[in-house]
Amino acid sequence: MKKYNRITAKKMFIICSLGLCSSSVFSAESDDIAKKLSNPVANLISVPFQLNFDDNIGAAENTQRYQLNIQPVIPVELNENWNLISRTILPVNYQTYKHTDKGDDWGTGDIVQSLFLSPSNTTPSGITWGVGTAMLFPTASEKQLGADQYGLGPTAVILKQSEGWTFGALANHIWAVENHGNVEDVNSTFLQPFVSYTYPSSLTIALNSEATYDWNTEKSNIPVNLMATKIVKLNGQLISVGGGVKYWAQDTDASPKDFGFRLIASFIFPK
C-alpha cells in the first residue's frame, strides 16, 4: 500500500508539473501574441469581430445602431526585410429608429481596405512603422449605409513597444475617385492614437480614439474607447476576447452621442 501511494504521488507530481509547465508556456505564448495584437502591422494572422452599439444618432437623436466590424488582418512576407499587411474592415449594420414608423435597416456597409508596407524588424530605437494606401469600396447593401462611391488615399502607422507598453498612431486620408450618387465627394481624415499595456497573463488594457474629420463640413467626431481584452484557448483555438465602453467626446449631427459599448472576439492564427 505504501509503495502504491508513493508511485501514485510521484505520478501526480509529474502530471501537475507538466500541467504547470504547459500553463507557463501558454502564458508566455499568449503574452507575446497579445503584444502583437496591439501592433497593427505585426506579422500575425487574426480575424477580429468587433460589435459596437451606439445611440442617439442623427440630428433627431432617434437612431440606434449595432455595427459588427469584420476585420481580417493578413500579413504577407515579401522577403526577409519587408512585409505587406492587409487590413480589411467590413461593417454589417442593424439600425432602429425610435419614436417613428420607419422600418429597421440592416445590411453591409462600405469596405475600407488598407495595405501597409512595413519592415520585418523594428528600428534600433524600437520603432515599428508602415506606409501604404487606403481604399474605399461601395459595398453597402443600402444607400443609407454607405457613401456610394470609390475612394483612395494614403495611410500610415507608427508605434513603439517597450516593457508591456504599446503606444502610437494610425492615420489615413480618403478622397473620392468615383461618385455614383448625388452626395458630396468623400474627403475625410481618420486618426487613431492608441496606448495599451499588456500584463504577463495576456490581459491588455487599451485606450484609443478613432477621430474622423470631414473636410467638406469642416467638422469632426471623436470617440474615446477604453477596452480590456484577454487571450483564451477554446478547443485549441486562440481567441482574444473582451469589451469596453466608448464616449463621444466630440460629435456632429450625423454621429452618435454620449456613450456606446464595444465587444470584441479576435480569432488568432499564429504561424
Protein backbone atom coordinates (compact mmCIF):
# COMPACT_ATOMS: atom_id res chain seq x y z
CA MET A 1 0.00 0.00 0.00
CA LYS A 2 2.78 2.45 0.89
CA LYS A 3 4.59 1.62 -2.35
CA TYR A 4 1.35 2.21 -4.30
CA ASN A 5 0.87 5.54 -2.59
CA ARG A 6 4.44 6.58 -3.35
CA ILE A 7 4.03 5.65 -7.02
CA THR A 8 0.67 7.42 -7.26
CA ALA A 9 2.04 10.52 -5.57
CA LYS A 10 5.01 10.53 -7.93
CA LYS A 11 2.73 10.26 -10.97
CA MET A 12 0.53 13.07 -9.67
CA PHE A 13 3.61 15.24 -9.07
CA ILE A 14 4.81 14.63 -12.64
CA ILE A 15 1.34 15.35 -14.09
CA CYS A 16 0.99 18.53 -12.04
CA SER A 17 4.49 19.63 -13.04
CA LEU A 18 3.71 19.08 -16.72
CA GLY A 19 0.46 21.00 -16.27
CA LEU A 20 2.27 23.91 -14.67
CA CYS A 21 4.88 23.88 -17.41
CA SER A 22 2.14 23.79 -20.06
CA SER A 23 0.34 26.63 -18.33
CA SER A 24 3.57 28.61 -18.12
CA VAL A 25 4.32 28.02 -21.82
CA PHE A 26 0.79 29.08 -22.81
CA SER A 27 1.04 32.17 -20.61
CA ALA A 28 4.32 33.21 -22.25
CA GLU A 29 2.95 32.47 -25.72
CA SER A 30 -0.29 34.37 -25.11
CA ASP A 31 1.60 37.33 -23.63
CA ASP A 32 3.71 37.61 -26.79
CA ILE A 33 0.66 37.23 -29.04
CA ALA A 34 -1.29 39.84 -27.05
CA LYS A 35 1.53 42.32 -27.67
CA LYS A 36 1.43 41.52 -31.38
CA LEU A 37 -2.33 42.14 -31.43
CA SER A 38 -1.62 45.65 -30.13
CA ASN A 39 0.58 46.23 -33.18
CA PRO A 40 -1.49 46.98 -36.34
CA VAL A 41 1.31 45.79 -38.63
CA ALA A 42 2.51 42.73 -36.70
CA ASN A 43 3.33 39.55 -38.63
CA LEU A 44 0.29 37.75 -37.23
CA ILE A 45 -2.89 36.49 -38.90
CA SER A 46 -6.03 37.42 -36.98
CA VAL A 47 -9.74 37.83 -37.67
CA PRO A 48 -11.35 40.24 -35.20
CA PHE A 49 -15.14 40.51 -34.88
CA GLN A 50 -15.93 43.86 -33.27
CA LEU A 51 -19.52 44.57 -32.20
CA ASN A 52 -20.37 48.21 -31.50
CA PHE A 53 -23.55 49.70 -30.04
CA ASP A 54 -24.20 53.41 -30.48
CA ASP A 55 -27.23 55.51 -29.61
CA ASN A 56 -28.70 58.98 -30.21
CA ILE A 57 -27.51 59.05 -33.81
CA GLY A 58 -28.52 61.85 -36.17
CA ALA A 59 -29.88 65.36 -35.70
CA ALA A 60 -33.09 63.97 -34.16
CA GLU A 61 -31.01 61.61 -31.94
CA ASN A 62 -33.53 58.83 -32.52
CA THR A 63 -31.36 56.20 -34.23
CA GLN A 64 -29.73 53.20 -32.55
CA ARG A 65 -27.07 51.20 -34.39
CA TYR A 66 -25.49 47.81 -33.90
CA GLN A 67 -22.41 47.53 -36.10
CA LEU A 68 -20.37 44.35 -36.45
CA ASN A 69 -16.96 45.08 -37.99
CA ILE A 70 -15.31 42.04 -39.55
CA GLN A 71 -11.62 42.92 -39.69
CA PRO A 72 -9.27 40.23 -41.07
CA VAL A 73 -5.55 41.06 -40.82
CA ILE A 74 -3.32 39.08 -43.19
CA PRO A 75 0.46 39.64 -43.39
CA VAL A 76 2.43 38.56 -46.44
CA GLU A 77 6.19 38.13 -46.17
CA LEU A 78 7.63 39.74 -49.30
CA ASN A 79 11.22 38.89 -48.31
CA GLU A 80 13.34 38.73 -45.18
CA ASN A 81 13.20 42.51 -44.77
CA TRP A 82 9.65 43.54 -45.74
CA ASN A 83 6.06 42.54 -45.03
CA LEU A 84 2.84 43.57 -46.75
CA ILE A 85 -0.01 43.83 -44.23
CA SER A 86 -3.59 43.65 -45.45
CA ARG A 87 -6.18 45.12 -43.06
CA THR A 88 -9.85 44.94 -44.11
CA ILE A 89 -12.89 46.44 -42.39
CA LEU A 90 -16.31 45.14 -43.49
CA PRO A 91 -19.16 46.62 -41.41
CA VAL A 92 -22.51 44.87 -41.01
CA ASN A 93 -25.13 47.28 -39.64
CA TYR A 94 -28.51 46.99 -37.98
CA GLN A 95 -30.31 50.30 -37.33
CA THR A 96 -33.52 51.01 -35.47
CA TYR A 97 -35.44 54.28 -35.31
CA LYS A 98 -37.08 55.28 -32.03
CA HIS A 99 -40.46 57.04 -31.90
CA THR A 100 -41.01 56.75 -35.67
CA ASP A 101 -42.89 54.46 -38.05
CA LYS A 102 -39.75 53.89 -40.11
CA GLY A 103 -38.75 50.28 -40.51
CA ASP A 104 -35.42 48.90 -39.35
CA ASP A 105 -32.46 48.89 -41.73
CA TRP A 106 -29.77 46.27 -41.88
CA GLY A 107 -27.06 45.20 -44.26
CA THR A 108 -23.41 45.61 -45.16
CA GLY A 109 -21.62 48.94 -45.23
CA ASP A 110 -18.68 50.13 -47.33
CA ILE A 111 -15.40 48.19 -47.14
CA VAL A 112 -12.24 50.05 -46.17
CA GLN A 113 -9.17 48.16 -47.35
CA SER A 114 -5.69 49.16 -46.19
CA LEU A 115 -2.34 47.83 -47.38
CA PHE A 116 0.80 48.61 -45.36
CA LEU A 117 4.39 48.07 -46.45
CA SER A 118 6.29 47.51 -43.20
CA PRO A 119 9.86 46.46 -42.28
CA SER A 120 10.11 42.97 -40.80
CA ASN A 121 12.26 44.26 -37.93
CA THR A 122 11.93 47.26 -35.67
CA THR A 123 14.41 50.14 -35.88
CA PRO A 124 17.34 50.25 -33.39
CA SER A 125 15.26 52.65 -31.28
CA GLY A 126 12.38 50.15 -31.14
CA ILE A 127 10.10 51.92 -33.63
CA THR A 128 7.74 49.96 -35.90
CA TRP A 129 6.15 51.68 -38.87
CA GLY A 130 4.20 51.07 -42.04
CA VAL A 131 3.02 53.11 -45.02
CA GLY A 132 0.63 52.33 -47.81
CA THR A 133 -2.76 53.02 -49.28
CA ALA A 134 -6.35 53.03 -48.02
CA MET A 135 -9.22 52.23 -50.39
CA LEU A 136 -12.98 52.71 -50.04
CA PHE A 137 -15.31 50.32 -51.87
CA PRO A 138 -19.08 51.00 -52.23
CA THR A 139 -20.27 47.62 -50.94
CA ALA A 140 -23.17 48.95 -48.85
CA SER A 141 -26.36 46.96 -49.41
CA GLU A 142 -28.47 50.08 -48.72
CA LYS A 143 -27.65 53.65 -49.77
CA GLN A 144 -28.11 54.99 -46.24
CA LEU A 145 -25.42 52.56 -45.02
CA GLY A 146 -22.62 53.81 -47.28
CA ALA A 147 -21.13 56.66 -49.30
CA ASP A 148 -21.95 55.11 -52.72
CA GLN A 149 -18.52 55.95 -54.13
CA TYR A 150 -14.99 54.68 -54.53
CA GLY A 151 -12.22 56.34 -52.55
CA LEU A 152 -8.44 56.24 -52.35
CA GLY A 153 -5.70 57.81 -50.27
CA PRO A 154 -2.55 57.32 -48.18
CA THR A 155 -2.29 55.58 -44.83
CA ALA A 156 0.49 55.22 -42.26
CA VAL A 157 1.13 53.81 -38.81
CA ILE A 158 3.96 54.28 -36.30
CA LEU A 159 4.35 52.74 -32.84
CA LYS A 160 6.77 51.68 -30.15
CA GLN A 161 6.56 48.72 -27.77
CA SER A 162 8.53 48.51 -24.53
CA GLU A 163 8.09 46.55 -21.29
CA GLY A 164 4.45 45.73 -21.95
CA TRP A 165 3.55 49.20 -23.24
CA THR A 166 2.42 49.94 -26.79
CA PHE A 167 1.84 53.48 -27.95
CA GLY A 168 1.49 55.01 -31.39
CA ALA A 169 -0.95 56.24 -34.01
CA LEU A 170 -2.58 55.13 -37.25
CA ALA A 171 -3.93 57.57 -39.83
CA ASN A 172 -5.40 57.71 -43.32
CA HIS A 173 -7.00 60.19 -45.68
CA ILE A 174 -9.50 59.17 -48.33
CA TRP A 175 -10.65 61.19 -51.34
CA ALA A 176 -13.48 60.12 -53.65
CA VAL A 177 -12.31 58.93 -57.06
CA GLU A 178 -15.71 57.91 -58.48
CA ASN A 179 -19.08 59.06 -57.15
CA HIS A 180 -22.20 57.06 -58.04
CA GLY A 181 -24.70 59.16 -56.09
CA ASN A 182 -25.94 62.70 -55.56
CA VAL A 183 -23.82 63.29 -52.46
CA GLU A 184 -20.63 65.20 -51.78
CA ASP A 185 -17.37 63.52 -52.65
CA VAL A 186 -15.69 61.82 -49.71
CA ASN A 187 -12.85 63.91 -48.33
CA SER A 188 -12.06 62.74 -44.80
CA THR A 189 -9.15 62.15 -42.45
CA PHE A 190 -9.06 59.33 -39.91
CA LEU A 191 -6.70 59.45 -36.91
CA GLN A 192 -6.34 56.71 -34.29
CA PRO A 193 -3.87 57.43 -31.49
CA PHE A 194 -3.54 54.44 -29.13
CA VAL A 195 -1.84 53.34 -25.94
CA SER A 196 -2.09 49.96 -24.21
CA TYR A 197 -0.45 47.86 -21.53
CA THR A 198 -0.20 44.06 -21.68
CA TYR A 199 0.21 42.08 -18.46
CA PRO A 200 2.11 38.74 -18.38
CA SER A 201 -1.28 36.98 -18.17
CA SER A 202 -2.10 38.45 -21.67
CA LEU A 203 -4.65 40.83 -20.15
CA THR A 204 -4.43 44.04 -22.18
CA ILE A 205 -5.88 47.41 -21.17
CA ALA A 206 -6.16 49.78 -24.14
CA LEU A 207 -7.17 53.40 -24.60
CA ASN A 208 -7.62 54.88 -28.07
CA SER A 209 -9.57 57.34 -30.15
CA GLU A 210 -10.97 56.94 -33.66
CA ALA A 211 -11.33 60.56 -34.76
CA THR A 212 -12.70 61.48 -38.18
CA TYR A 213 -12.51 64.93 -39.74
CA ASP A 214 -14.78 65.76 -42.69
CA TRP A 215 -13.14 68.43 -44.86
CA ASN A 216 -16.45 69.17 -46.61
CA THR A 217 -18.31 70.15 -43.43
CA GLU A 218 -15.15 71.09 -41.50
CA LYS A 219 -16.46 69.08 -38.55
CA SER A 220 -15.03 66.16 -36.59
CA ASN A 221 -16.33 63.40 -34.37
CA ILE A 222 -14.08 61.98 -31.66
CA PRO A 223 -14.99 58.81 -29.76
CA VAL A 224 -12.71 57.68 -26.92
CA ASN A 225 -12.56 53.91 -26.28
CA LEU A 226 -11.44 52.11 -23.12
CA MET A 227 -11.04 48.36 -23.65
CA ALA A 228 -9.90 45.25 -21.79
CA THR A 229 -9.07 42.01 -23.63
CA LYS A 230 -7.52 38.65 -22.74
CA ILE A 231 -6.39 35.64 -24.75
CA VAL A 232 -8.09 32.32 -24.06
CA LYS A 233 -7.84 28.92 -25.72
CA LEU A 234 -11.09 27.25 -26.81
CA ASN A 235 -10.80 23.75 -28.26
CA GLY A 236 -7.24 24.57 -29.31
CA GLN A 237 -8.21 27.89 -30.94
CA LEU A 238 -6.64 31.06 -29.57
CA ILE A 239 -9.16 33.88 -29.17
CA SER A 240 -8.71 37.34 -27.70
CA VAL A 241 -11.99 38.30 -26.02
CA GLY A 242 -13.01 41.48 -24.27
CA GLY A 243 -15.08 44.60 -24.29
CA GLY A 244 -15.28 48.16 -23.17
CA VAL A 245 -17.01 51.49 -23.25
CA LYS A 246 -16.77 54.47 -25.58
CA TYR A 247 -17.58 58.10 -25.02
CA TRP A 248 -18.22 60.57 -27.84
CA ALA A 249 -16.05 63.46 -26.67
CA GLN A 250 -17.00 65.42 -29.79
CA ASP A 251 -19.92 64.69 -32.09
CA THR A 252 -21.76 66.01 -35.12
CA ASP A 253 -25.43 65.98 -36.14
CA ALA A 254 -24.87 62.76 -38.08
CA SER A 255 -22.75 60.94 -35.49
CA PRO A 256 -23.72 59.07 -32.30
CA LYS A 257 -23.84 60.95 -28.98
CA ASP A 258 -22.92 60.26 -25.36
CA PHE A 259 -21.89 56.67 -24.54
CA GLY A 260 -21.58 53.44 -26.53
CA PHE A 261 -20.29 49.93 -25.97
CA ARG A 262 -17.97 47.51 -27.74
CA LEU A 263 -17.41 43.74 -27.59
CA ILE A 264 -14.62 42.00 -29.46
CA ALA A 265 -13.52 38.45 -30.28
CA SER A 266 -10.33 38.07 -32.31
CA PHE A 267 -9.53 34.64 -33.73
CA ILE A 268 -5.74 34.24 -33.84
CA PHE A 269 -3.70 32.04 -36.18
CA PRO A 270 0.00 32.08 -35.16
CA LYS A 271 2.46 30.96 -37.81
